[in-house]
Amino acid sequence: MISITGLYESHLTVSDLDRSIDFYRDVVGLELAHTIPDRHVVFFWVGGRERSMLGLWSIHRSPINTRMHVAFQTTLDQVVRSPQYLRSKGITPRGFGGKPEIDEPVVFPWMPAASVYFNDPDGYSLEYISILPGAARPDIPGVTSWTEWQRSTGILT
C-alpha cells in the first residue's frame, strides 16, 4: 500500500477568479505559485513552496466541475485563534456541518483534532485543522467544544 502523508493538490472551480485570488492570498494567506491566464487558472502553494498546491479554475474552465471541501492543516494555536481572525476579515467561523457561528474550535474526540470551518466566496467549505496531542477519546460521542475537550482531558479546570 502507498502511504499518504498529506494533501498535495486540490482544485476548485470559482465564479470570480480575481475575487478568489484576493481571498486565498489575503484572507487564507496562501502564496500565489503560478497563473495560466489563457486557461483561467491559478495555483497557490499550501504550507510552503513545493509542499502542496491549490488550483482555482474559473467556472466552465475546470476539468472537473464539482464543489468541494478542503481542510488546511495548521498548528493548534492557529486553530484556536482562527475564529477571531476570520471575523476580522468579515468571515463567519462555523462548527462541523455548517453549524451556527462559533467562538472556539470544535473537537473530534475520535481523532482527536480541533477544527474551525468557514466558507470561501463561492460557498466552498474550508477548514483549519490541527491534530491534538494525547489519546483519542472515542468514548466521547460526536463533536464537542474546545472548552469541553479541555475539561474532559484535565487541561482546563
Protein backbone atom coordinates (compact mmCIF):
# COMPACT_ATOMS: atom_id res chain seq x y z
CA MET A 1 0.00 0.00 0.00
CA ILE A 2 1.15 3.56 -0.70
CA SER A 3 1.40 5.66 2.48
CA ILE A 4 -0.30 9.03 2.14
CA THR A 5 1.32 11.77 4.25
CA GLY A 6 -0.81 14.83 3.39
CA LEU A 7 -2.79 16.67 0.77
CA TYR A 8 -0.58 17.84 -2.07
CA GLU A 9 -3.05 19.29 -4.54
CA SER A 10 -6.71 20.13 -4.75
CA HIS A 11 -8.73 22.01 -7.38
CA LEU A 12 -11.83 24.14 -7.06
CA THR A 13 -14.00 25.88 -9.62
CA VAL A 14 -14.76 29.51 -8.75
CA SER A 15 -17.24 32.04 -10.10
CA ASP A 16 -14.90 35.06 -9.93
CA LEU A 17 -11.21 34.22 -10.29
CA ASP A 18 -9.91 37.66 -9.25
CA ARG A 19 -12.09 37.71 -6.13
CA SER A 20 -10.92 34.21 -5.24
CA ILE A 21 -7.26 35.14 -5.76
CA ASP A 22 -7.73 38.01 -3.29
CA PHE A 23 -9.48 35.73 -0.79
CA TYR A 24 -6.98 32.86 -0.84
CA ARG A 25 -3.99 35.25 -0.83
CA ASP A 26 -5.22 37.94 1.61
CA VAL A 27 -7.54 36.01 3.95
CA VAL A 28 -6.32 32.42 3.89
CA GLY A 29 -2.68 33.57 3.48
CA LEU A 30 -1.54 31.32 0.63
CA GLU A 31 1.35 32.25 -1.67
CA LEU A 32 0.48 32.60 -5.36
CA ALA A 33 2.56 29.97 -7.18
CA HIS A 34 1.58 30.17 -10.86
CA THR A 35 -1.03 31.61 -13.19
CA ILE A 36 -2.11 30.45 -16.65
CA PRO A 37 -4.23 33.36 -17.92
CA ASP A 38 -5.35 31.76 -21.19
CA ARG A 39 -6.70 28.76 -19.23
CA HIS A 40 -8.21 30.96 -16.46
CA VAL A 41 -6.42 29.05 -13.70
CA VAL A 42 -4.15 29.96 -10.78
CA PHE A 43 -2.17 27.81 -8.37
CA PHE A 44 -1.27 28.58 -4.76
CA TRP A 45 1.38 26.99 -2.57
CA VAL A 46 -0.07 25.46 0.58
CA GLY A 47 2.33 25.09 3.52
CA GLY A 48 5.29 26.47 1.59
CA ARG A 49 6.77 26.06 -1.85
CA GLU A 50 6.71 22.59 -3.36
CA ARG A 51 4.79 21.07 -0.43
CA SER A 52 1.14 21.28 -1.54
CA MET A 53 -0.90 23.21 -4.09
CA LEU A 54 -4.42 24.51 -4.57
CA GLY A 55 -5.65 25.15 -8.12
CA LEU A 56 -8.52 27.58 -8.76
CA TRP A 57 -10.26 27.33 -12.12
CA SER A 58 -12.70 29.86 -13.47
CA ILE A 59 -16.13 28.23 -13.71
CA HIS A 60 -16.73 26.44 -17.04
CA ARG A 61 -12.96 26.04 -17.49
CA SER A 62 -12.36 23.38 -14.88
CA PRO A 63 -11.69 19.82 -16.00
CA ILE A 64 -13.91 18.72 -13.09
CA ASN A 65 -16.99 20.81 -12.30
CA THR A 66 -17.69 19.95 -8.65
CA ARG A 67 -17.99 21.62 -5.26
CA MET A 68 -15.54 20.52 -2.59
CA HIS A 69 -14.34 20.75 0.99
CA VAL A 70 -10.70 21.44 1.71
CA ALA A 71 -9.01 21.15 5.10
CA PHE A 72 -5.83 23.08 5.77
CA GLN A 73 -3.56 21.57 8.42
CA THR A 74 -2.14 24.14 10.86
CA THR A 75 -0.97 24.43 14.47
CA LEU A 76 -3.33 24.21 17.43
CA ASP A 77 -2.56 27.82 18.35
CA GLN A 78 -3.64 28.93 14.88
CA VAL A 79 -6.86 26.91 15.02
CA VAL A 80 -7.70 28.42 18.43
CA ARG A 81 -7.03 31.93 17.10
CA SER A 82 -8.86 31.41 13.80
CA PRO A 83 -12.44 32.37 14.83
CA GLN A 84 -11.25 35.85 15.85
CA TYR A 85 -9.07 36.14 12.76
CA LEU A 86 -11.86 35.08 10.40
CA ARG A 87 -14.26 37.59 11.97
CA SER A 88 -11.65 40.34 11.46
CA LYS A 89 -11.84 39.50 7.73
CA GLY A 90 -15.65 39.57 7.69
CA ILE A 91 -15.98 35.78 7.56
CA THR A 92 -18.20 33.70 9.85
CA PRO A 93 -16.41 30.86 11.67
CA ARG A 94 -18.61 27.78 11.91
CA GLY A 95 -18.68 24.41 13.59
CA PHE A 96 -18.91 21.00 11.98
CA GLY A 97 -21.57 20.61 9.30
CA GLY A 98 -22.05 24.38 8.90
CA LYS A 99 -23.36 24.72 12.45
CA PRO A 100 -24.01 28.26 13.70
CA GLU A 101 -21.23 30.74 14.34
CA ILE A 102 -18.65 29.61 16.89
CA ASP A 103 -16.19 31.40 19.19
CA GLU A 104 -13.83 28.46 19.65
CA PRO A 105 -12.84 25.33 17.72
CA VAL A 106 -14.84 22.14 17.71
CA VAL A 107 -13.10 18.89 18.61
CA PHE A 108 -13.48 15.46 17.07
CA PRO A 109 -12.64 13.26 20.08
CA TRP A 110 -12.22 10.10 17.99
CA MET A 111 -9.14 11.57 16.21
CA PRO A 112 -8.55 13.82 18.28
CA ALA A 113 -8.45 17.04 16.23
CA ALA A 114 -9.54 20.65 16.68
CA SER A 115 -11.27 22.38 13.74
CA VAL A 116 -12.86 25.61 12.62
CA TYR A 117 -14.93 25.72 9.44
CA PHE A 118 -15.68 28.65 7.15
CA ASN A 119 -16.76 29.31 3.57
CA ASP A 120 -14.94 30.91 0.67
CA PRO A 121 -16.69 33.44 -1.63
CA ASP A 122 -18.20 30.61 -3.71
CA GLY A 123 -19.57 28.74 -0.69
CA TYR A 124 -16.89 26.03 -0.59
CA SER A 125 -16.46 24.53 2.84
CA LEU A 126 -12.97 25.21 4.18
CA GLU A 127 -11.46 24.06 7.45
CA TYR A 128 -8.49 24.83 9.66
CA ILE A 129 -7.48 21.63 11.49
CA SER A 130 -4.86 20.52 13.99
CA ILE A 131 -4.34 17.04 15.37
CA LEU A 132 -4.34 17.23 19.17
CA PRO A 133 -1.75 15.68 21.45
CA GLY A 134 -2.82 12.79 23.63
CA ALA A 135 -5.01 9.81 23.15
CA ALA A 136 -8.18 9.65 21.11
CA ARG A 137 -11.40 9.55 23.12
CA PRO A 138 -13.95 7.54 21.12
CA ASP A 139 -15.96 7.28 24.36
CA ILE A 140 -16.95 10.96 23.87
CA PRO A 141 -19.67 10.83 21.21
CA GLY A 142 -19.88 13.17 18.23
CA VAL A 143 -18.25 16.59 18.22
CA THR A 144 -17.53 18.68 21.30
CA SER A 145 -16.35 22.22 22.02
CA TRP A 146 -12.72 23.11 22.68
CA THR A 147 -13.63 24.10 26.26
CA GLU A 148 -15.40 20.78 26.91
CA TRP A 149 -12.47 18.86 25.41
CA GLN A 150 -10.04 20.64 27.73
CA ARG A 151 -12.26 19.86 30.74
CA SER A 152 -12.62 16.19 29.75
CA THR A 153 -8.85 15.79 29.35
CA GLY A 154 -7.97 17.71 32.51
CA ILE A 155 -6.30 20.59 30.69
CA LEU A 156 -8.89 23.12 31.89
CA THR A 157 -10.15 23.00 35.45
